[in-house]
Amino acid sequence: SRELSRLLRGEIRLVSAPSKGSVFSLYLPQVFPPTRQPRKT
């Protein structure tokens, strides 16, 4: 899932506490950036 989010130019964050639960947050750009060009990263 983390790699998929990176392909979308985003990221996943996780907050987790024993006996309380976990929060997964997926951040994605509102506008998908242009595809990276070779040698112009």
PDB file of all heavy atoms in Angstrom:
ATOM      1  N   SER A   1       0.834  -1.207   0.000  1.00  0.00           N
ATOM      2  CA  SER A   1       0.000   0.000   0.000  1.00  0.00           C
ATOM      3  C   SER A   1       0.868   1.256   0.000  1.00  0.00           C
ATOM      4  O   SER A   1       0.560   2.248  -0.668  1.00  0.00           O
ATOM      5  CB  SER A   1      -0.924   0.000   1.222  1.00  0.00           C
ATOM      6  OG  SER A   1      -1.781  -1.122   1.193  1.00  0.00           O
ATOM      7  N   ARG A   2       1.938   1.213   0.744  1.00  0.00           N
ATOM      8  CA  ARG A   2       2.838   2.369   0.782  1.00  0.00           C
ATOM      9  C   ARG A   2       3.436   2.646  -0.593  1.00  0.00           C
ATOM     10  O   ARG A   2       3.519   3.785  -1.050  1.00  0.00           O
ATOM     11  CB  ARG A   2       3.973   2.103   1.791  1.00  0.00           C
ATOM     12  CG  ARG A   2       4.924   3.277   1.941  1.00  0.00           C
ATOM     13  CD  ARG A   2       6.166   2.875   2.701  1.00  0.00           C
ATOM     14  NE  ARG A   2       6.851   1.796   1.988  1.00  0.00           N
ATOM     15  CZ  ARG A   2       7.904   1.155   2.460  1.00  0.00           C
ATOM     16  NH1 ARG A   2       8.357   1.443   3.662  1.00  0.00           N
ATOM     17  NH2 ARG A   2       8.484   0.203   1.759  1.00  0.00           N
ATOM     18  N   GLU A   3       3.855   1.565  -1.297  1.00  0.00           N
ATOM     19  CA  GLU A   3       4.428   1.754  -2.632  1.00  0.00           C
ATOM     20  C   GLU A   3       3.383   2.282  -3.612  1.00  0.00           C
ATOM     21  O   GLU A   3       3.678   3.113  -4.471  1.00  0.00           O
ATOM     22  CB  GLU A   3       5.023   0.435  -3.141  1.00  0.00           C
ATOM     23  CG  GLU A   3       6.234  -0.038  -2.357  1.00  0.00           C
ATOM     24  CD  GLU A   3       7.326   1.017  -2.302  1.00  0.00           C
ATOM     25  OE1 GLU A   3       7.642   1.615  -3.350  1.00  0.00           O
ATOM     26  OE2 GLU A   3       7.851   1.272  -1.202  1.00  0.00           O
ATOM     27  N   LEU A   4       2.138   1.799  -3.497  1.00  0.00           N
ATOM     28  CA  LEU A   4       1.071   2.311  -4.368  1.00  0.00           C
ATOM     29  C   LEU A   4       0.840   3.805  -4.121  1.00  0.00           C
ATOM     30  O   LEU A   4       0.637   4.581  -5.052  1.00  0.00           O
ATOM     31  CB  LEU A   4      -0.224   1.528  -4.122  1.00  0.00           C
ATOM     32  CG  LEU A   4      -0.241   0.082  -4.634  1.00  0.00           C
ATOM     33  CD1 LEU A   4      -1.504  -0.625  -4.156  1.00  0.00           C
ATOM     34  CD2 LEU A   4      -0.170   0.050  -6.147  1.00  0.00           C
ATOM     35  N   SER A   5       0.887   4.201  -2.863  1.00  0.00           N
ATOM     36  CA  SER A   5       0.685   5.616  -2.565  1.00  0.00           C
ATOM     37  C   SER A   5       1.819   6.465  -3.134  1.00  0.00           C
ATOM     38  O   SER A   5       1.604   7.589  -3.597  1.00  0.00           O
ATOM     39  CB  SER A   5       0.568   5.832  -1.047  1.00  0.00           C
ATOM     40  OG  SER A   5       1.807   5.622  -0.400  1.00  0.00           O
ATOM     41  N   ARG A   6       3.041   5.916  -3.115  1.00  0.00           N
ATOM     42  CA  ARG A   6       4.169   6.658  -3.679  1.00  0.00           C
ATOM     43  C   ARG A   6       4.024   6.813  -5.190  1.00  0.00           C
ATOM     44  O   ARG A   6       4.380   7.846  -5.751  1.00  0.00           O
ATOM     45  CB  ARG A   6       5.479   5.938  -3.348  1.00  0.00           C
ATOM     46  CG  ARG A   6       5.900   6.096  -1.888  1.00  0.00           C
ATOM     47  CD  ARG A   6       7.187   5.359  -1.611  1.00  0.00           C
ATOM     48  NE  ARG A   6       7.625   5.573  -0.231  1.00  0.00           N
ATOM     49  CZ  ARG A   6       8.666   4.967   0.324  1.00  0.00           C
ATOM     50  NH1 ARG A   6       9.371   4.096  -0.381  1.00  0.00           N
ATOM     51  NH2 ARG A   6       9.012   5.210   1.568  1.00  0.00           N
ATOM     52  N   LEU A   7       3.514   5.761  -5.851  1.00  0.00           N
ATOM     53  CA  LEU A   7       3.291   5.858  -7.295  1.00  0.00           C
ATOM     54  C   LEU A   7       2.299   6.962  -7.634  1.00  0.00           C
ATOM     55  O   LEU A   7       2.354   7.568  -8.701  1.00  0.00           O
ATOM     56  CB  LEU A   7       2.794   4.515  -7.842  1.00  0.00           C
ATOM     57  CG  LEU A   7       3.816   3.378  -7.899  1.00  0.00           C
ATOM     58  CD1 LEU A   7       3.144   2.075  -8.281  1.00  0.00           C
ATOM     59  CD2 LEU A   7       4.930   3.710  -8.887  1.00  0.00           C
ATOM     60  N   LEU A   8       1.381   7.222  -6.702  1.00  0.00           N
ATOM     61  CA  LEU A   8       0.397   8.294  -6.883  1.00  0.00           C
ATOM     62  C   LEU A   8       0.911   9.638  -6.368  1.00  0.00           C
ATOM     63  O   LEU A   8       0.154  10.585  -6.238  1.00  0.00           O
ATOM     64  CB  LEU A   8      -0.908   7.918  -6.162  1.00  0.00           C
ATOM     65  CG  LEU A   8      -1.635   6.684  -6.723  1.00  0.00           C
ATOM     66  CD1 LEU A   8      -2.762   6.263  -5.787  1.00  0.00           C
ATOM     67  CD2 LEU A   8      -2.183   6.988  -8.099  1.00  0.00           C
ATOM     68  N   ARG A   9       2.209   9.700  -6.043  1.00  0.00           N
ATOM     69  CA  ARG A   9       2.872  10.906  -5.510  1.00  0.00           C
ATOM     70  C   ARG A   9       2.309  11.298  -4.149  1.00  0.00           C
ATOM     71  O   ARG A   9       2.243  12.479  -3.813  1.00  0.00           O
ATOM     72  CB  ARG A   9       2.735  12.089  -6.482  1.00  0.00           C
ATOM     73  CG  ARG A   9       3.206  11.798  -7.900  1.00  0.00           C
ATOM     74  CD  ARG A   9       4.715  11.585  -7.967  1.00  0.00           C
ATOM     75  NE  ARG A   9       5.149  11.600  -9.351  1.00  0.00           N
ATOM     76  CZ  ARG A   9       5.249  10.497 -10.106  1.00  0.00           C
ATOM     77  NH1 ARG A   9       4.946   9.323  -9.584  1.00  0.00           N
ATOM     78  NH2 ARG A   9       5.665  10.583 -11.354  1.00  0.00           N
ATOM     79  N   GLY A  10       1.895  10.323  -3.382  1.00  0.00           N
ATOM     80  CA  GLY A  10       1.379  10.598  -2.049  1.00  0.00           C
ATOM     81  C   GLY A  10       2.120   9.794  -1.000  1.00  0.00           C
ATOM     82  O   GLY A  10       3.212   9.299  -1.235  1.00  0.00           O
ATOM     83  N   GLU A  11       1.509   9.631   0.162  1.00  0.00           N
ATOM     84  CA  GLU A  11       2.132   8.831   1.212  1.00  0.00           C
ATOM     85  C   GLU A  11       1.079   8.350   2.191  1.00  0.00           C
ATOM     86  O   GLU A  11      -0.022   8.908   2.274  1.00  0.00           O
ATOM     87  CB  GLU A  11       3.204   9.628   1.948  1.00  0.00           C
ATOM     88  CG  GLU A  11       2.661  10.774   2.785  1.00  0.00           C
ATOM     89  CD  GLU A  11       3.736  11.427   3.643  1.00  0.00           C
ATOM     90  OE1 GLU A  11       4.932  11.297   3.321  1.00  0.00           O
ATOM     91  OE2 GLU A  11       3.360  12.061   4.646  1.00  0.00           O
ATOM     92  N   ILE A  12       1.431   7.308   2.942  1.00  0.00           N
ATOM     93  CA  ILE A  12       0.566   6.800   4.014  1.00  0.00           C
ATOM     94  C   ILE A  12       1.245   7.087   5.349  1.00  0.00           C
ATOM     95  O   ILE A  12       2.452   6.872   5.499  1.00  0.00           O
ATOM     96  CB  ILE A  12       0.340   5.284   3.868  1.00  0.00           C
ATOM     97  CG1 ILE A  12      -0.590   4.998   2.688  1.00  0.00           C
ATOM     98  CG2 ILE A  12      -0.270   4.695   5.139  1.00  0.00           C
ATOM     99  CD1 ILE A  12      -0.867   3.523   2.478  1.00  0.00           C
ATOM    100  N   ARG A  13       0.462   7.574   6.295  1.00  0.00           N
ATOM    101  CA  ARG A  13       0.960   7.753   7.665  1.00  0.00           C
ATOM    102  C   ARG A  13       0.156   6.865   8.600  1.00  0.00           C
ATOM    103  O   ARG A  13      -1.035   6.624   8.370  1.00  0.00           O
ATOM    104  CB  ARG A  13       0.823   9.208   8.108  1.00  0.00           C
ATOM    105  CG  ARG A  13       1.826  10.162   7.479  1.00  0.00           C
ATOM    106  CD  ARG A  13       1.666  11.546   8.090  1.00  0.00           C
ATOM    107  NE  ARG A  13       2.664  12.480   7.617  1.00  0.00           N
ATOM    108  CZ  ARG A  13       2.806  13.709   8.105  1.00  0.00           C
ATOM    109  NH1 ARG A  13       2.003  14.120   9.080  1.00  0.00           N
ATOM    110  NH2 ARG A  13       3.730  14.517   7.633  1.00  0.00           N
ATOM    111  N   LEU A  14       0.786   6.405   9.631  1.00  0.00           N
ATOM    112  CA  LEU A  14       0.127   5.518  10.579  1.00  0.00           C
ATOM    113  C   LEU A  14       0.402   5.965  12.006  1.00  0.00           C
ATOM    114  O   LEU A  14       1.545   6.221  12.385  1.00  0.00           O
ATOM    115  CB  LEU A  14       0.632   4.072  10.382  1.00  0.00           C
ATOM    116  CG  LEU A  14       0.297   3.075  11.497  1.00  0.00           C
ATOM    117  CD1 LEU A  14      -1.210   2.899  11.627  1.00  0.00           C
ATOM    118  CD2 LEU A  14       0.969   1.735  11.209  1.00  0.00           C
ATOM    119  N   VAL A  15      -0.662   6.077  12.794  1.00  0.00           N
ATOM    120  CA  VAL A  15      -0.546   6.289  14.237  1.00  0.00           C
ATOM    121  C   VAL A  15      -1.185   5.089  14.909  1.00  0.00           C
ATOM    122  O   VAL A  15      -2.322   4.732  14.594  1.00  0.00           O
ATOM    123  CB  VAL A  15      -1.272   7.573  14.693  1.00  0.00           C
ATOM    124  CG1 VAL A  15      -1.054   7.794  16.182  1.00  0.00           C
ATOM    125  CG2 VAL A  15      -0.797   8.772  13.900  1.00  0.00           C
ATOM    126  N   SER A  16      -0.465   4.427  15.807  1.00  0.00           N
ATOM    127  CA  SER A  16      -1.002   3.222  16.425  1.00  0.00           C
ATOM    128  C   SER A  16      -0.637   3.185  17.906  1.00  0.00           C
ATOM    129  O   SER A  16       0.500   3.468  18.270  1.00  0.00           O
ATOM    130  CB  SER A  16      -0.435   1.975  15.715  1.00  0.00           C
ATOM    131  OG  SER A  16      -1.032   0.813  16.229  1.00  0.00           O
ATOM    132  N   ALA A  17      -1.613   2.851  18.730  1.00  0.00           N
ATOM    133  CA  ALA A  17      -1.385   2.752  20.168  1.00  0.00           C
ATOM    134  C   ALA A  17      -2.017   1.459  20.681  1.00  0.00           C
ATOM    135  O   ALA A  17      -3.176   1.167  20.355  1.00  0.00           O
ATOM    136  CB  ALA A  17      -1.987   3.956  20.898  1.00  0.00           C
ATOM    137  N   PRO A  18      -1.277   0.665  21.469  1.00  0.00           N
ATOM    138  CA  PRO A  18      -1.834  -0.584  22.004  1.00  0.00           C
ATOM    139  C   PRO A  18      -3.131  -0.338  22.758  1.00  0.00           C
ATOM    140  O   PRO A  18      -3.266   0.633  23.507  1.00  0.00           O
ATOM    141  CB  PRO A  18      -0.724  -1.097  22.932  1.00  0.00           C
ATOM    142  CG  PRO A  18       0.527  -0.464  22.408  1.00  0.00           C
ATOM    143  CD  PRO A  18       0.119   0.874  21.886  1.00  0.00           C
ATOM    144  N   SER A  19      -4.108  -1.197  22.524  1.00  0.00           N
ATOM    145  CA  SER A  19      -5.414  -1.171  23.193  1.00  0.00           C
ATOM    146  C   SER A  19      -6.279   0.028  22.800  1.00  0.00           C
ATOM    147  O   SER A  19      -7.379   0.187  23.327  1.00  0.00           O
ATOM    148  CB  SER A  19      -5.245  -1.196  24.731  1.00  0.00           C
ATOM    149  OG  SER A  19      -4.505  -2.344  25.114  1.00  0.00           O
ATOM    150  N   LYS A  20      -5.791   0.892  21.921  1.00  0.00           N
ATOM    151  CA  LYS A  20      -6.575   2.046  21.495  1.00  0.00           C
ATOM    152  C   LYS A  20      -6.972   1.954  20.030  1.00  0.00           C
ATOM    153  O   LYS A  20      -8.038   2.416  19.651  1.00  0.00           O
ATOM    154  CB  LYS A  20      -5.799   3.341  21.739  1.00  0.00           C
ATOM    155  CG  LYS A  20      -5.592   3.665  23.212  1.00  0.00           C
ATOM    156  CD  LYS A  20      -4.888   5.000  23.375  1.00  0.00           C
ATOM    157  CE  LYS A  20      -4.710   5.340  24.857  1.00  0.00           C
ATOM    158  NZ  LYS A  20      -4.014   6.640  25.035  1.00  0.00           N
ATOM    159  N   GLY A  21      -6.077   1.395  19.210  1.00  0.00           N
ATOM    160  CA  GLY A  21      -6.394   1.281  17.794  1.00  0.00           C
ATOM    161  C   GLY A  21      -5.389   2.002  16.923  1.00  0.00           C
ATOM    162  O   GLY A  21      -4.374   2.515  17.411  1.00  0.00           O
ATOM    163  N   SER A  22      -5.678   2.028  15.631  1.00  0.00           N
ATOM    164  CA  SER A  22      -4.756   2.606  14.658  1.00  0.00           C
ATOM    165  C   SER A  22      -5.496   3.553  13.730  1.00  0.00           C
ATOM    166  O   SER A  22      -6.673   3.368  13.424  1.00  0.00           O
ATOM    167  CB  SER A  22      -4.090   1.503  13.820  1.00  0.00           C
ATOM    168  OG  SER A  22      -3.432   0.577  14.656  1.00  0.00           O
ATOM    169  N   VAL A  23      -4.786   4.588  13.293  1.00  0.00           N
ATOM    170  CA  VAL A  23      -5.315   5.522  12.311  1.00  0.00           C
ATOM    171  C   VAL A  23      -4.375   5.523  11.110  1.00  0.00           C
ATOM    172  O   VAL A  23      -3.205   5.855  11.237  1.00  0.00           O
ATOM    173  CB  VAL A  23      -5.429   6.955  12.880  1.00  0.00           C
ATOM    174  CG1 VAL A  23      -5.898   7.928  11.791  1.00  0.00           C
ATOM    175  CG2 VAL A  23      -6.378   6.980  14.064  1.00  0.00           C
ATOM    176  N   PHE A  24      -4.905   5.122   9.960  1.00  0.00           N
ATOM    177  CA  PHE A  24      -4.157   5.181   8.705  1.00  0.00           C
ATOM    178  C   PHE A  24      -4.620   6.424   7.950  1.00  0.00           C
ATOM    179  O   PHE A  24      -5.826   6.613   7.737  1.00  0.00           O
ATOM    180  CB  PHE A  24      -4.431   3.943   7.836  1.00  0.00           C
ATOM    181  CG  PHE A  24      -3.932   2.666   8.426  1.00  0.00           C
ATOM    182  CD1 PHE A  24      -4.697   1.952   9.352  1.00  0.00           C
ATOM    183  CD2 PHE A  24      -2.698   2.147   8.057  1.00  0.00           C
ATOM    184  CE1 PHE A  24      -4.244   0.768   9.899  1.00  0.00           C
ATOM    185  CE2 PHE A  24      -2.232   0.957   8.587  1.00  0.00           C
ATOM    186  CZ  PHE A  24      -3.002   0.267   9.516  1.00  0.00           C
ATOM    187  N   SER A  25      -3.684   7.274   7.535  1.00  0.00           N
ATOM    188  CA  SER A  25      -4.030   8.483   6.777  1.00  0.00           C
ATOM    189  C   SER A  25      -3.332   8.430   5.434  1.00  0.00           C
ATOM    190  O   SER A  25      -2.109   8.316   5.358  1.00  0.00           O
ATOM    191  CB  SER A  25      -3.593   9.741   7.539  1.00  0.00           C
ATOM    192  OG  SER A  25      -4.233   9.796   8.802  1.00  0.00           O
ATOM    193  N   LEU A  26      -4.116   8.509   4.356  1.00  0.00           N
ATOM    194  CA  LEU A  26      -3.578   8.503   3.000  1.00  0.00           C
ATOM    195  C   LEU A  26      -3.615   9.920   2.450  1.00  0.00           C
ATOM    196  O   LEU A  26      -4.678  10.535   2.373  1.00  0.00           O
ATOM    197  CB  LEU A  26      -4.404   7.570   2.101  1.00  0.00           C
ATOM    198  CG  LEU A  26      -4.096   7.620   0.603  1.00  0.00           C
ATOM    199  CD1 LEU A  26      -2.663   7.183   0.331  1.00  0.00           C
ATOM    200  CD2 LEU A  26      -5.070   6.745  -0.172  1.00  0.00           C
ATOM    201  N   TYR A  27      -2.455  10.446   2.092  1.00  0.00           N
ATOM    202  CA  TYR A  27      -2.361  11.793   1.530  1.00  0.00           C
ATOM    203  C   TYR A  27      -2.075  11.680   0.036  1.00  0.00           C
ATOM    204  O   TYR A  27      -1.125  10.997  -0.378  1.00  0.00           O
ATOM    205  CB  TYR A  27      -1.226  12.576   2.199  1.00  0.00           C
ATOM    206  CG  TYR A  27      -1.463  12.843   3.662  1.00  0.00           C
ATOM    207  CD1 TYR A  27      -0.933  11.992   4.638  1.00  0.00           C
ATOM    208  CD2 TYR A  27      -2.210  13.945   4.080  1.00  0.00           C
ATOM    209  CE1 TYR A  27      -1.151  12.216   5.981  1.00  0.00           C
ATOM    210  CE2 TYR A  27      -2.427  14.183   5.436  1.00  0.00           C
ATOM    211  CZ  TYR A  27      -1.899  13.315   6.383  1.00  0.00           C
ATOM    212  OH  TYR A  27      -2.107  13.552   7.715  1.00  0.00           O
ATOM    213  N   LEU A  28      -2.884  12.377  -0.781  1.00  0.00           N
ATOM    214  CA  LEU A  28      -2.687  12.400  -2.231  1.00  0.00           C
ATOM    215  C   LEU A  28      -2.774  13.839  -2.724  1.00  0.00           C
ATOM    216  O   LEU A  28      -3.571  14.632  -2.198  1.00  0.00           O
ATOM    217  CB  LEU A  28      -3.751  11.556  -2.950  1.00  0.00           C
ATOM    218  CG  LEU A  28      -3.758  10.055  -2.661  1.00  0.00           C
ATOM    219  CD1 LEU A  28      -4.934   9.391  -3.364  1.00  0.00           C
ATOM    220  CD2 LEU A  28      -2.450   9.424  -3.107  1.00  0.00           C
ATOM    221  N   PRO A  29      -1.996  14.203  -3.729  1.00  0.00           N
ATOM    222  CA  PRO A  29      -2.089  15.561  -4.282  1.00  0.00           C
ATOM    223  C   PRO A  29      -3.433  15.749  -4.994  1.00  0.00           C
ATOM    224  O   PRO A  29      -3.965  14.808  -5.596  1.00  0.00           O
ATOM    225  CB  PRO A  29      -0.924  15.624  -5.281  1.00  0.00           C
ATOM    226  CG  PRO A  29      -0.650  14.203  -5.628  1.00  0.00           C
ATOM    227  CD  PRO A  29      -0.959  13.404  -4.397  1.00  0.00           C
ATOM    228  N   GLN A  30      -3.983  16.939  -4.901  1.00  0.00           N
ATOM    229  CA  GLN A  30      -5.256  17.214  -5.590  1.00  0.00           C
ATOM    230  C   GLN A  30      -5.083  17.142  -7.108  1.00  0.00           C
ATOM    231  O   GLN A  30      -5.986  16.758  -7.834  1.00  0.00           O
ATOM    232  CB  GLN A  30      -5.780  18.594  -5.195  1.00  0.00           C
ATOM    233  CG  GLN A  30      -6.281  18.638  -3.756  1.00  0.00           C
ATOM    234  CD  GLN A  30      -6.866  19.991  -3.400  1.00  0.00           C
ATOM    235  OE1 GLN A  30      -6.438  21.016  -3.915  1.00  0.00           O
ATOM    236  NE2 GLN A  30      -7.840  19.992  -2.496  1.00  0.00           N
ATOM    237  N   VAL A  31      -3.901  17.543  -7.571  1.00  0.00           N
ATOM    238  CA  VAL A  31      -3.586  17.462  -8.997  1.00  0.00           C
ATOM    239  C   VAL A  31      -2.395  16.537  -9.151  1.00  0.00           C
ATOM    240  O   VAL A  31      -1.350  16.768  -8.540  1.00  0.00           O
ATOM    241  CB  VAL A  31      -3.259  18.853  -9.589  1.00  0.00           C
ATOM    242  CG1 VAL A  31      -2.904  18.731 -11.066  1.00  0.00           C
ATOM    243  CG2 VAL A  31      -4.435  19.804  -9.388  1.00  0.00           C
ATOM    244  N   PHE A  32      -2.543  15.506  -9.981  1.00  0.00           N
ATOM    245  CA  PHE A  32      -1.455  14.538 -10.156  1.00  0.00           C
ATOM    246  C   PHE A  32      -0.303  15.204 -10.907  1.00  0.00           C
ATOM    247  O   PHE A  32      -0.505  15.761 -11.993  1.00  0.00           O
ATOM    248  CB  PHE A  32      -1.947  13.317 -10.931  1.00  0.00           C
ATOM    249  CG  PHE A  32      -0.937  12.207 -10.987  1.00  0.00           C
ATOM    250  CD1 PHE A  32      -0.724  11.396  -9.882  1.00  0.00           C
ATOM    251  CD2 PHE A  32      -0.194  11.974 -12.134  1.00  0.00           C
ATOM    252  CE1 PHE A  32       0.191  10.375  -9.920  1.00  0.00           C
ATOM    253  CE2 PHE A  32       0.737  10.951 -12.183  1.00  0.00           C
ATOM    254  CZ  PHE A  32       0.933  10.149 -11.066  1.00  0.00           C
ATOM    255  N   PRO A  33       0.895  15.179 -10.360  1.00  0.00           N
ATOM    256  CA  PRO A  33       2.035  15.848 -11.013  1.00  0.00           C
ATOM    257  C   PRO A  33       2.400  15.149 -12.325  1.00  0.00           C
ATOM    258  O   PRO A  33       2.091  13.974 -12.523  1.00  0.00           O
ATOM    259  CB  PRO A  33       3.178  15.702 -10.001  1.00  0.00           C
ATOM    260  CG  PRO A  33       2.557  15.186  -8.759  1.00  0.00           C
ATOM    261  CD  PRO A  33       1.268  14.536  -9.116  1.00  0.00           C
ATOM    262  N   PRO A  34       3.092  15.849 -13.224  1.00  0.00           N
ATOM    263  CA  PRO A  34       3.521  15.233 -14.485  1.00  0.00           C
ATOM    264  C   PRO A  34       4.424  14.035 -14.216  1.00  0.00           C
ATOM    265  O   PRO A  34       5.127  13.980 -13.210  1.00  0.00           O
ATOM    266  CB  PRO A  34       4.293  16.351 -15.190  1.00  0.00           C
ATOM    267  CG  PRO A  34       3.858  17.607 -14.532  1.00  0.00           C
ATOM    268  CD  PRO A  34       3.496  17.246 -13.130  1.00  0.00           C
ATOM    269  N   THR A  35       4.398  13.069 -15.140  1.00  0.00           N
ATOM    270  CA  THR A  35       5.279  11.908 -15.023  1.00  0.00           C
ATOM    271  C   THR A  35       6.715  12.370 -15.117  1.00  0.00           C
ATOM    272  O   THR A  35       7.064  13.206 -15.943  1.00  0.00           O
ATOM    273  CB  THR A  35       4.986  10.899 -16.152  1.00  0.00           C
ATOM    274  OG1 THR A  35       3.614  10.545 -16.066  1.00  0.00           O
ATOM    275  CG2 THR A  35       5.861   9.663 -16.021  1.00  0.00           C
ATOM    276  N   ARG A  36       7.574  11.782 -14.288  1.00  0.00           N
ATOM    277  CA  ARG A  36       8.980  12.169 -14.307  1.00  0.00           C
ATOM    278  C   ARG A  36       9.624  11.760 -15.627  1.00  0.00           C
ATOM    279  O   ARG A  36       9.412  10.664 -16.121  1.00  0.00           O
ATOM    280  CB  ARG A  36       9.729  11.493 -13.158  1.00  0.00           C
ATOM    281  CG  ARG A  36       9.211  11.916 -11.803  1.00  0.00           C
ATOM    282  CD  ARG A  36       9.971  11.208 -10.712  1.00  0.00           C
ATOM    283  NE  ARG A  36       9.414  11.529  -9.412  1.00  0.00           N
ATOM    284  CZ  ARG A  36       9.872  11.026  -8.275  1.00  0.00           C
ATOM    285  NH1 ARG A  36      10.870  10.192  -8.280  1.00  0.00           N
ATOM    286  NH2 ARG A  36       9.325  11.369  -7.133  1.00  0.00           N
ATOM    287  N   GLN A  37      10.434  12.667 -16.160  1.00  0.00           N
ATOM    288  CA  GLN A  37      11.147  12.377 -17.394  1.00  0.00           C
ATOM    289  C   GLN A  37      12.505  11.769 -17.056  1.00  0.00           C
ATOM    290  O   GLN A  37      13.138  12.130 -16.063  1.00  0.00           O
ATOM    291  CB  GLN A  37      11.360  13.671 -18.197  1.00  0.00           C
ATOM    292  CG  GLN A  37      10.059  14.329 -18.626  1.00  0.00           C
ATOM    293  CD  GLN A  37       9.254  13.431 -19.551  1.00  0.00           C
ATOM    294  OE1 GLN A  37       9.813  12.760 -20.409  1.00  0.00           O
ATOM    295  NE2 GLN A  37       7.942  13.409 -19.354  1.00  0.00           N
ATOM    296  N   PRO A  38      13.014  10.859 -17.882  1.00  0.00           N
ATOM    297  CA  PRO A  38      14.333  10.258 -17.637  1.00  0.00           C
ATOM    298  C   PRO A  38      15.404  11.338 -17.553  1.00  0.00           C
ATOM    299  O   PRO A  38      15.419  12.274 -18.354  1.00  0.00           O
ATOM    300  CB  PRO A  38      14.541   9.363 -18.877  1.00  0.00           C
ATOM    301  CG  PRO A  38      13.167   9.081 -19.381  1.00  0.00           C
ATOM    302  CD  PRO A  38      12.359  10.303 -19.059  1.00  0.00           C
ATOM    303  N   ARG A  39      16.307  11.195 -16.551  1.00  0.00           N
ATOM    304  CA  ARG A  39      17.459  12.065 -16.335  1.00  0.00           C
ATOM    305  C   ARG A  39      17.063  13.504 -15.984  1.00  0.00           C
ATOM    306  O   ARG A  39      17.866  14.413 -16.021  1.00  0.00           O
ATOM    307  CB  ARG A  39      18.401  12.082 -17.544  1.00  0.00           C
ATOM    308  CG  ARG A  39      18.918  10.717 -17.906  1.00  0.00           C
ATOM    309  CD  ARG A  39      19.934  10.801 -19.032  1.00  0.00           C
ATOM    310  NE  ARG A  39      20.410   9.487 -19.403  1.00  0.00           N
ATOM    311  CZ  ARG A  39      21.369   8.815 -18.785  1.00  0.00           C
ATOM    312  NH1 ARG A  39      21.958   9.373 -17.766  1.00  0.00           N
ATOM    313  NH2 ARG A  39      21.745   7.614 -19.182  1.00  0.00           N
ATOM    314  N   LYS A  40      15.749  13.719 -15.697  1.00  0.00           N
ATOM    315  CA  LYS A  40      15.314  15.049 -15.272  1.00  0.00           C
ATOM    316  C   LYS A  40      14.453  14.902 -14.026  1.00  0.00           C
ATOM    317  O   LYS A  40      13.370  15.450 -13.922  1.00  0.00           O
ATOM    318  CB  LYS A  40      14.532  15.747 -16.373  1.00  0.00           C
ATOM    319  CG  LYS A  40      15.371  16.075 -17.611  1.00  0.00           C
ATOM    320  CD  LYS A  40      14.571  16.801 -18.654  1.00  0.00           C
ATOM    321  CE  LYS A  40      15.391  17.132 -19.883  1.00  0.00           C
ATOM    322  NZ  LYS A  40      14.611  17.836 -20.919  1.00  0.00           N
ATOM    323  N   THR A  41      14.979  14.136 -13.074  1.00  0.00           N
ATOM    324  CA  THR A  41      14.167  13.792 -11.910  1.00  0.00           C
ATOM    325  C   THR A  41      14.006  14.951 -10.943  1.00  0.00           C
ATOM    326  O   THR A  41      13.047  14.987 -10.198  1.00  0.00           O
ATOM    327  CB  THR A  41      14.800  12.610 -11.167  1.00  0.00           C
ATOM    328  OG1 THR A  41      16.150  12.984 -10.816  1.00  0.00           O
ATOM    329  CG2 THR A  41      14.840  11.375 -12.037  1.00  0.00           C
TER     330      THR A  41
END
